[in-house]
């Protein structure tokens, strides 16, 4: 739905004409924000100059990266995928702790990690479907796998702990 912030009838016709919409053919009604709201069945054709501008090229690059990442995930074994899912969930927990402690963190990491976990679990489920495992059995196996997980610190915390041990070793020697 397109909302235009215009107030007079002549400016409405001018705004609609600038969008490439014939003002005589389409109905409009007044809305609470003192503008107009086009009916839901109306679609304005965007000029070619607006399509694929600066963000269009970025979207293609992001899709290429995502496809590359999916190829990388599909090349991994089931065990590697399970290990990485555990590590990423640990990293997600560490990020939540940083947020709750009001420490500095990159908020974009939440979405990035969640999406990576989702992609890995998607590949895992695709493999189960190929093997002929139905949804009920898949959930049963998933519960069994989750119970077998050994709790361990995520890689970022392990790295910090190693750095602290190295710093203490330097101080003592």
Protein backbone atom coordinates (compact mmCIF):
# COMPACT_ATOMS: atom_id res chain seq x y z
CA UNK A 1 0.00 0.00 0.00
CA UNK A 2 1.36 3.42 -0.92
CA UNK A 3 0.75 6.36 1.39
CA UNK A 4 1.26 9.86 0.10
CA UNK A 5 1.50 12.81 2.47
CA UNK A 6 -0.38 15.40 0.44
CA UNK A 7 -3.18 17.71 1.46
CA UNK A 8 -4.96 19.23 -1.56
CA UNK A 9 -6.71 17.55 -4.49
CA UNK A 10 -4.42 19.20 -7.06
CA UNK A 11 -1.31 17.99 -5.24
CA UNK A 12 -2.88 14.50 -5.06
CA UNK A 13 -3.31 14.44 -8.84
CA UNK A 14 0.24 15.75 -9.28
CA UNK A 15 1.68 13.12 -6.88
CA UNK A 16 -0.20 10.30 -8.59
CA UNK A 17 0.93 11.50 -12.01
CA UNK A 18 4.56 11.59 -10.82
CA UNK A 19 4.23 7.91 -9.83
CA UNK A 20 2.95 7.05 -13.28
CA UNK A 21 -0.62 6.45 -12.08
CA UNK A 22 -3.52 8.03 -13.88
CA UNK A 23 -5.46 9.92 -11.16
CA UNK A 24 -8.78 9.60 -12.99
CA UNK A 25 -8.66 5.80 -13.16
CA UNK A 26 -7.89 4.99 -9.53
CA UNK A 27 -9.98 5.59 -6.46
CA UNK A 28 -8.58 7.22 -3.37
CA UNK A 29 -9.94 8.12 -0.01
CA UNK A 30 -8.93 10.41 2.80
CA UNK A 31 -7.07 8.85 5.70
CA UNK A 32 -6.37 9.81 9.29
CA UNK A 33 -2.98 11.35 8.51
CA UNK A 34 -4.51 13.94 6.15
CA UNK A 35 -2.98 12.35 3.10
CA UNK A 36 -4.39 9.75 0.76
CA UNK A 37 -4.33 5.99 0.72
CA UNK A 38 -4.49 4.15 -2.58
CA UNK A 39 -6.76 1.12 -2.71
CA UNK A 40 -5.03 -2.24 -2.28
CA UNK A 41 -5.59 -3.43 -5.86
CA UNK A 42 -3.52 -0.59 -7.33
CA UNK A 43 0.12 -1.18 -8.18
CA UNK A 44 2.38 1.53 -9.47
CA UNK A 45 4.98 0.54 -12.03
CA UNK A 46 8.41 1.68 -10.89
CA UNK A 47 10.58 3.24 -13.56
CA UNK A 48 13.63 1.23 -14.61
CA UNK A 49 15.94 3.92 -13.26
CA UNK A 50 14.79 3.09 -9.69
CA UNK A 51 15.22 -0.67 -10.01
CA UNK A 52 18.44 -2.29 -8.94
CA UNK A 53 20.09 0.89 -7.77
CA UNK A 54 22.80 0.82 -5.14
CA UNK A 55 20.97 -1.75 -3.01
CA UNK A 56 20.19 -4.03 -5.97
CA UNK A 57 23.85 -4.85 -6.52
CA UNK A 58 24.34 -5.47 -2.81
CA UNK A 59 21.42 -7.90 -2.80
CA UNK A 60 23.02 -9.95 -5.56
CA UNK A 61 26.31 -10.08 -3.63
CA UNK A 62 24.49 -11.17 -0.45
CA UNK A 63 22.69 -13.93 -2.34
CA UNK A 64 26.00 -15.15 -3.76
CA UNK A 65 27.53 -15.21 -0.27
CA UNK A 66 24.52 -17.09 1.08
CA UNK A 67 24.73 -19.69 -1.71
CA UNK A 68 28.45 -20.05 -1.09
CA UNK A 69 27.77 -20.54 2.62
CA UNK A 70 25.13 -23.20 1.87
CA UNK A 71 27.62 -25.06 -0.35
CA UNK A 72 30.14 -24.90 2.48
CA UNK A 73 27.58 -26.26 4.96
CA UNK A 74 26.47 -29.04 2.61
CA UNK A 75 30.10 -30.15 2.27
CA UNK A 76 30.28 -30.83 6.03
CA UNK A 77 29.44 -34.12 7.67
CA UNK A 78 26.52 -34.49 10.09
CA UNK A 79 28.91 -34.53 13.07
CA UNK A 80 30.62 -31.31 11.96
CA UNK A 81 27.23 -29.64 11.52
CA UNK A 82 26.14 -30.76 15.01
CA UNK A 83 29.37 -29.46 16.56
CA UNK A 84 29.05 -26.10 14.83
CA UNK A 85 25.39 -25.77 15.86
CA UNK A 86 26.43 -26.34 19.48
CA UNK A 87 29.23 -23.76 19.18
CA UNK A 88 26.95 -21.18 17.55
CA UNK A 89 24.27 -21.67 20.21
CA UNK A 90 26.95 -21.11 22.85
CA UNK A 91 28.07 -17.95 21.06
CA UNK A 92 24.44 -16.80 20.97
CA UNK A 93 24.24 -17.33 24.74
CA UNK A 94 27.42 -15.30 25.24
CA UNK A 95 25.95 -12.50 23.14
CA UNK A 96 22.78 -12.52 25.24
CA UNK A 97 24.89 -12.32 28.39
CA UNK A 98 26.83 -9.37 26.96
CA UNK A 99 23.57 -7.65 26.12
CA UNK A 100 22.13 -8.21 29.59
CA UNK A 101 25.35 -6.94 31.21
CA UNK A 102 25.16 -3.85 28.96
CA UNK A 103 28.56 -4.57 27.44
CA UNK A 104 29.42 -3.50 23.92
CA UNK A 105 28.45 -6.00 21.25
CA UNK A 106 27.37 -6.09 17.63
CA UNK A 107 23.61 -6.46 17.54
CA UNK A 108 23.79 -7.73 13.96
CA UNK A 109 25.52 -10.84 15.27
CA UNK A 110 22.22 -12.10 16.73
CA UNK A 111 20.56 -12.36 13.33
CA UNK A 112 23.69 -13.64 11.62
CA UNK A 113 24.13 -16.47 14.12
CA UNK A 114 20.44 -17.38 14.17
CA UNK A 115 20.38 -17.56 10.38
CA UNK A 116 23.54 -19.67 10.28
CA UNK A 117 22.06 -22.08 12.84
CA UNK A 118 18.83 -22.25 10.84
CA UNK A 119 20.75 -22.99 7.62
CA UNK A 120 22.67 -25.78 9.30
CA UNK A 121 19.56 -27.34 10.77
CA UNK A 122 17.88 -27.04 7.37
CA UNK A 123 20.70 -28.97 5.72
CA UNK A 124 20.50 -31.54 8.52
CA UNK A 125 16.76 -31.98 7.94
CA UNK A 126 17.23 -32.17 4.15
CA UNK A 127 19.61 -35.08 4.69
CA UNK A 128 17.09 -36.78 6.98
CA UNK A 129 14.40 -36.42 4.31
CA UNK A 130 16.75 -37.96 1.73
CA UNK A 131 17.25 -40.90 4.08
CA UNK A 132 13.48 -41.28 4.43
CA UNK A 133 13.25 -40.23 8.08
CA UNK A 134 9.78 -38.84 8.83
CA UNK A 135 9.09 -35.80 10.99
CA UNK A 136 8.13 -37.78 14.10
CA UNK A 137 11.29 -39.88 14.06
CA UNK A 138 13.34 -36.77 13.26
CA UNK A 139 12.05 -35.02 16.38
CA UNK A 140 12.74 -38.13 18.44
CA UNK A 141 16.33 -38.26 17.15
CA UNK A 142 16.68 -34.51 17.77
CA UNK A 143 15.61 -34.89 21.40
CA UNK A 144 18.06 -37.76 21.80
CA UNK A 145 20.85 -35.66 20.26
CA UNK A 146 20.08 -32.67 22.51
CA UNK A 147 20.24 -34.88 25.63
CA UNK A 148 23.63 -36.22 24.54
CA UNK A 149 25.20 -32.75 24.23
CA UNK A 150 28.08 -32.19 26.63
CA UNK A 151 28.07 -28.63 27.90
CA UNK A 152 31.27 -26.81 27.03
CA UNK A 153 32.25 -23.16 26.73
CA UNK A 154 31.79 -21.57 23.31
CA UNK A 155 34.89 -20.85 21.18
CA UNK A 156 34.97 -17.12 22.00
CA UNK A 157 34.97 -17.82 25.74
CA UNK A 158 37.64 -20.52 25.33
CA UNK A 159 39.77 -18.00 23.43
CA UNK A 160 39.36 -15.40 26.22
CA UNK A 161 40.24 -17.98 28.86
CA UNK A 162 43.38 -18.98 26.94
CA UNK A 163 44.38 -15.32 26.60
CA UNK A 164 43.90 -14.80 30.35
CA UNK A 165 45.99 -17.89 31.14
CA UNK A 166 48.72 -16.68 28.79
CA UNK A 167 48.67 -13.23 30.40
CA UNK A 168 48.90 -14.77 33.90
CA UNK A 169 51.77 -16.99 32.77
CA UNK A 170 53.66 -13.93 31.46
CA UNK A 171 53.09 -12.05 34.72
CA UNK A 172 54.32 -14.96 36.85
CA UNK A 173 57.48 -15.51 34.79
